[in-house]
Every structure is written in C-alpha cells, then in structure tokens.
N, C-alpha and C. Protein backbone atom coordinates (compact mmCIF):
# COMPACT_ATOMS: atom_id res chain seq x y z
N UNK A 1 39.38 66.52 59.86
CA UNK A 1 38.86 65.41 60.62
C UNK A 1 37.35 65.58 60.75
N UNK A 2 36.60 64.55 60.46
CA UNK A 2 35.14 64.61 60.54
C UNK A 2 34.68 63.83 61.77
N UNK A 3 33.70 64.37 62.46
CA UNK A 3 33.13 63.71 63.62
C UNK A 3 31.73 63.26 63.29
N UNK A 4 31.45 61.99 63.54
CA UNK A 4 30.11 61.46 63.33
C UNK A 4 29.40 61.44 64.68
N UNK A 5 28.11 61.65 64.66
CA UNK A 5 27.35 61.61 65.90
C UNK A 5 25.93 61.15 65.60
N UNK A 6 25.28 60.65 66.63
CA UNK A 6 23.89 60.26 66.52
C UNK A 6 23.07 61.31 67.23
N UNK A 7 22.11 61.89 66.52
CA UNK A 7 21.33 62.98 67.09
C UNK A 7 20.61 62.57 68.37
N UNK A 8 20.17 61.32 68.46
CA UNK A 8 19.44 60.90 69.66
C UNK A 8 20.35 60.79 70.88
N UNK A 9 21.67 60.89 70.69
CA UNK A 9 22.61 60.83 71.80
C UNK A 9 23.13 62.21 72.21
N UNK A 10 22.75 63.25 71.48
CA UNK A 10 23.23 64.59 71.81
C UNK A 10 22.54 65.11 73.06
N UNK A 11 23.31 65.72 73.95
CA UNK A 11 22.80 66.32 75.17
C UNK A 11 23.50 67.65 75.39
N UNK A 12 22.79 68.57 76.02
CA UNK A 12 23.41 69.84 76.36
C UNK A 12 22.72 70.44 77.58
N UNK A 13 23.37 71.35 78.24
CA UNK A 13 22.80 72.11 79.34
C UNK A 13 22.68 73.55 78.88
N UNK A 14 21.52 74.14 79.09
CA UNK A 14 21.33 75.56 78.85
C UNK A 14 21.47 76.25 80.20
N UNK A 15 22.32 77.28 80.27
CA UNK A 15 22.63 77.89 81.56
C UNK A 15 22.46 79.39 81.55
N UNK A 16 22.20 79.92 82.72
CA UNK A 16 22.20 81.36 82.95
C UNK A 16 22.95 81.62 84.25
N UNK A 17 23.39 82.84 84.42
CA UNK A 17 24.02 83.22 85.68
C UNK A 17 22.93 83.78 86.58
N UNK A 18 22.85 83.24 87.79
CA UNK A 18 21.84 83.71 88.73
C UNK A 18 22.41 83.61 90.15
N UNK A 19 22.43 84.71 90.84
CA UNK A 19 22.97 84.72 92.20
C UNK A 19 21.87 84.81 93.25
N UNK A 20 20.61 84.77 92.81
CA UNK A 20 19.47 84.86 93.73
C UNK A 20 19.19 83.48 94.31
N UNK A 21 19.62 83.25 95.55
CA UNK A 21 19.47 81.94 96.21
C UNK A 21 18.02 81.63 96.57
N UNK A 22 17.13 82.63 96.49
CA UNK A 22 15.73 82.40 96.90
C UNK A 22 14.90 81.74 95.80
N UNK A 23 15.44 81.61 94.60
CA UNK A 23 14.69 81.02 93.50
C UNK A 23 14.57 79.52 93.73
N UNK A 24 13.32 79.03 93.64
CA UNK A 24 13.05 77.61 93.84
C UNK A 24 13.22 76.87 92.51
N UNK A 25 14.03 75.82 92.52
CA UNK A 25 14.29 75.04 91.32
C UNK A 25 13.25 73.93 91.22
N UNK A 26 12.69 73.75 90.00
CA UNK A 26 11.64 72.75 89.79
C UNK A 26 11.93 71.94 88.54
N UNK A 27 11.39 70.75 88.49
CA UNK A 27 11.50 69.91 87.30
C UNK A 27 12.94 69.54 87.00
N UNK A 28 13.33 69.74 85.76
CA UNK A 28 14.69 69.40 85.35
C UNK A 28 15.66 70.57 85.48
N UNK A 29 15.26 71.57 86.22
CA UNK A 29 16.13 72.73 86.46
C UNK A 29 16.94 72.48 87.73
N UNK A 30 18.25 72.64 87.63
CA UNK A 30 19.09 72.41 88.79
C UNK A 30 20.24 73.41 88.79
N UNK A 31 20.88 73.51 89.93
CA UNK A 31 22.01 74.42 90.09
C UNK A 31 23.29 73.65 89.79
N UNK A 32 24.16 74.29 89.03
CA UNK A 32 25.45 73.70 88.70
C UNK A 32 26.49 74.80 88.70
N UNK A 33 27.62 74.51 89.29
CA UNK A 33 28.72 75.47 89.31
C UNK A 33 29.81 74.95 88.40
N UNK A 34 30.21 75.77 87.44
CA UNK A 34 31.33 75.40 86.58
C UNK A 34 32.62 75.67 87.32
N UNK A 35 33.42 74.63 87.46
CA UNK A 35 34.68 74.78 88.16
C UNK A 35 35.62 75.66 87.34
N UNK A 36 36.45 76.38 88.01
CA UNK A 36 37.44 77.21 87.33
C UNK A 36 38.52 76.35 86.71
N UNK A 37 39.44 76.97 86.05
CA UNK A 37 40.54 76.26 85.44
C UNK A 37 40.92 76.88 84.11
N UNK A 38 41.96 76.36 83.55
CA UNK A 38 42.51 76.89 82.30
C UNK A 38 41.63 76.50 81.12
N UNK A 39 41.34 77.47 80.26
CA UNK A 39 40.55 77.25 79.05
C UNK A 39 41.22 77.94 77.87
N UNK A 40 41.11 77.33 76.72
CA UNK A 40 41.43 78.01 75.47
C UNK A 40 40.12 78.67 75.03
N UNK A 41 40.18 79.92 74.62
CA UNK A 41 38.97 80.65 74.25
C UNK A 41 39.05 81.02 72.78
N UNK A 42 37.99 80.73 72.06
CA UNK A 42 37.90 81.01 70.63
C UNK A 42 36.70 81.91 70.39
N UNK A 43 36.80 82.77 69.39
CA UNK A 43 35.70 83.65 69.03
C UNK A 43 35.11 83.22 67.70
N UNK A 44 33.83 82.87 67.74
CA UNK A 44 33.10 82.54 66.51
C UNK A 44 32.37 83.81 66.08
N UNK A 45 32.55 84.20 64.83
CA UNK A 45 31.86 85.36 64.28
C UNK A 45 30.89 84.87 63.21
N UNK A 46 29.62 85.21 63.38
CA UNK A 46 28.64 84.84 62.36
C UNK A 46 27.51 83.99 62.91
N UNK A 47 26.74 83.46 61.98
CA UNK A 47 25.51 82.73 62.31
C UNK A 47 25.81 81.50 63.15
N UNK A 48 24.87 81.19 64.04
CA UNK A 48 25.00 80.02 64.89
C UNK A 48 25.05 78.73 64.07
N UNK A 49 24.38 78.72 62.92
CA UNK A 49 24.39 77.52 62.07
C UNK A 49 25.80 77.14 61.63
N UNK A 50 26.71 78.10 61.65
CA UNK A 50 28.08 77.85 61.21
C UNK A 50 29.03 77.50 62.35
N UNK A 51 28.50 77.33 63.56
CA UNK A 51 29.35 76.96 64.69
C UNK A 51 30.07 75.64 64.44
N UNK A 52 29.45 74.74 63.69
CA UNK A 52 30.09 73.44 63.45
C UNK A 52 31.42 73.60 62.73
N UNK A 53 31.55 74.61 61.87
CA UNK A 53 32.80 74.88 61.17
C UNK A 53 33.87 75.32 62.18
N UNK A 54 33.49 76.20 63.09
CA UNK A 54 34.42 76.67 64.11
C UNK A 54 34.84 75.52 65.02
N UNK A 55 33.89 74.69 65.42
CA UNK A 55 34.23 73.54 66.27
C UNK A 55 35.18 72.58 65.55
N UNK A 56 34.99 72.37 64.27
CA UNK A 56 35.90 71.50 63.51
C UNK A 56 37.31 72.10 63.51
N UNK A 57 37.42 73.42 63.35
CA UNK A 57 38.72 74.09 63.38
C UNK A 57 39.36 73.97 64.77
N UNK A 58 38.54 74.08 65.80
CA UNK A 58 39.06 73.94 67.17
C UNK A 58 39.59 72.53 67.38
N UNK A 59 38.85 71.52 66.96
CA UNK A 59 39.30 70.14 67.15
C UNK A 59 40.55 69.86 66.32
N UNK A 60 40.65 70.44 65.13
CA UNK A 60 41.88 70.31 64.34
C UNK A 60 43.05 70.91 65.11
N UNK A 61 42.84 72.06 65.76
CA UNK A 61 43.88 72.71 66.55
C UNK A 61 44.29 71.83 67.73
N UNK A 62 43.30 71.27 68.42
CA UNK A 62 43.58 70.40 69.57
C UNK A 62 44.48 69.24 69.14
N UNK A 63 44.13 68.60 68.02
CA UNK A 63 44.90 67.45 67.55
C UNK A 63 46.28 67.86 67.06
N UNK A 64 46.35 68.91 66.22
CA UNK A 64 47.64 69.29 65.63
C UNK A 64 48.62 69.82 66.68
N UNK A 65 48.11 70.47 67.72
CA UNK A 65 48.99 71.03 68.76
C UNK A 65 49.20 70.06 69.92
N UNK A 66 48.48 68.95 69.91
CA UNK A 66 48.60 67.99 71.00
C UNK A 66 48.12 68.53 72.34
N UNK A 67 47.11 69.36 72.29
CA UNK A 67 46.59 69.99 73.50
C UNK A 67 45.82 68.95 74.33
N UNK A 68 46.07 68.94 75.63
CA UNK A 68 45.34 68.05 76.52
C UNK A 68 44.04 68.69 76.97
N UNK A 69 42.97 67.92 76.93
CA UNK A 69 41.67 68.41 77.35
C UNK A 69 41.37 67.96 78.78
N UNK A 70 40.77 68.85 79.56
CA UNK A 70 40.33 68.48 80.90
C UNK A 70 38.97 67.79 80.82
N UNK A 71 38.64 67.02 81.84
CA UNK A 71 37.34 66.36 81.92
C UNK A 71 36.33 67.37 82.47
N UNK A 72 35.94 68.29 81.62
CA UNK A 72 35.01 69.35 81.97
C UNK A 72 34.27 69.74 80.70
N UNK A 73 33.07 70.27 80.84
CA UNK A 73 32.30 70.61 79.64
C UNK A 73 32.85 71.83 78.91
N UNK A 74 32.78 71.78 77.58
CA UNK A 74 32.99 72.98 76.78
C UNK A 74 31.77 73.86 77.01
N UNK A 75 31.93 75.17 76.88
CA UNK A 75 30.75 76.02 76.97
C UNK A 75 30.89 77.23 76.08
N UNK A 76 29.75 77.79 75.76
CA UNK A 76 29.68 78.96 74.87
C UNK A 76 29.12 80.13 75.63
N UNK A 77 29.63 81.31 75.31
CA UNK A 77 29.10 82.55 75.88
C UNK A 77 28.66 83.42 74.70
N UNK A 78 27.37 83.73 74.69
CA UNK A 78 26.80 84.52 73.60
C UNK A 78 26.95 86.00 73.94
N UNK A 79 27.65 86.74 73.11
CA UNK A 79 28.06 88.10 73.45
C UNK A 79 27.06 89.18 73.04
N UNK A 80 26.15 88.88 72.13
CA UNK A 80 25.19 89.89 71.69
C UNK A 80 24.05 90.01 72.69
N UNK A 81 23.65 91.25 72.98
CA UNK A 81 22.59 91.47 73.96
C UNK A 81 21.26 90.89 73.51
N UNK A 82 20.92 91.02 72.26
CA UNK A 82 19.66 90.48 71.74
C UNK A 82 19.91 89.85 70.38
N UNK A 83 20.25 88.56 70.36
CA UNK A 83 20.56 87.90 69.09
C UNK A 83 19.41 87.92 68.10
N UNK A 84 18.17 88.02 68.60
CA UNK A 84 17.01 88.05 67.69
C UNK A 84 16.98 89.33 66.87
N UNK A 85 17.63 90.37 67.35
CA UNK A 85 17.66 91.66 66.65
C UNK A 85 19.02 91.95 66.04
N UNK A 86 19.88 90.94 66.00
CA UNK A 86 21.23 91.10 65.46
C UNK A 86 21.33 90.35 64.14
N UNK A 87 21.91 90.99 63.15
CA UNK A 87 22.12 90.31 61.87
C UNK A 87 23.02 89.11 62.11
N UNK A 88 22.73 87.96 61.48
CA UNK A 88 23.55 86.77 61.69
C UNK A 88 25.05 87.02 61.50
N UNK A 89 25.43 87.84 60.55
CA UNK A 89 26.85 88.12 60.31
C UNK A 89 27.50 88.85 61.48
N UNK A 90 26.69 89.51 62.33
CA UNK A 90 27.22 90.27 63.45
C UNK A 90 27.18 89.52 64.78
N UNK A 91 26.73 88.29 64.77
CA UNK A 91 26.68 87.51 66.00
C UNK A 91 28.10 87.15 66.44
N UNK A 92 28.33 87.16 67.75
CA UNK A 92 29.63 86.82 68.32
C UNK A 92 29.42 85.82 69.45
N UNK A 93 30.20 84.74 69.41
CA UNK A 93 30.10 83.67 70.41
C UNK A 93 31.49 83.27 70.86
N UNK A 94 31.75 83.32 72.15
CA UNK A 94 33.00 82.81 72.69
C UNK A 94 32.82 81.32 73.00
N UNK A 95 33.81 80.52 72.63
CA UNK A 95 33.80 79.09 72.90
C UNK A 95 34.95 78.80 73.86
N UNK A 96 34.62 78.24 75.00
CA UNK A 96 35.61 77.93 76.03
C UNK A 96 35.88 76.43 76.03
N UNK A 97 37.14 76.06 75.84
CA UNK A 97 37.55 74.66 75.79
C UNK A 97 38.49 74.42 76.98
N UNK A 98 38.04 73.64 77.98
CA UNK A 98 38.88 73.35 79.15
C UNK A 98 40.11 72.53 78.77
N UNK A 99 41.28 73.06 79.06
CA UNK A 99 42.54 72.39 78.70
C UNK A 99 43.40 72.20 79.95
N UNK A 100 44.37 71.28 79.85
CA UNK A 100 45.27 71.03 80.97
C UNK A 100 46.44 71.99 80.91
C-alpha cells in the first residue's frame, strides 16, 4: 500500500523529556504530556532515511491484522546516545503506534 502526501502539509513535534518545572517556555515551545495507553512497538534498525520502509511495513501490518488505532500521535524513541557518532547501520529507533 502506498501513501501519498503533500510536503507542505507535513507537521511534527520534536520532544524531549524534562522534569524541571522552572524552565520558561518561549515562542513555539510548549509543554505536552503524552497520555498513556496501549501501543504496538516496532524496532527500526538502520539509517533514518529508511524509516519510510519500516512505516510502510507497520501500516501493512495494521491493515492486514485489522488493528484499531487510537486517536493519539505515533512517536519515535531514538535509542543511540549520539547518532552523529553512530554508523547508520547501527542506528536503532523504536516506533510506538497507539492501538485500541
């Protein structure tokens, strides 16, 4: 299954974990809490440029298994401490897909 998209419509949130309540948020920076719940977790191994292949496989799985998706954002967790110093083949990314 192929997904078409318009680049000018793509949006994403870049997030970090921060428990320091004294930090002042400015501009387009805001606090957001990801609600808990059931997620299917997938491990992508390799270069970030190839994430689209993993996402296509995930969507194929969702359709073939009839998995229900929750109205919550998918998110990625980058597992390498310093991706700039990691060979692309050694990069590891967890992909969390909120499911019912």
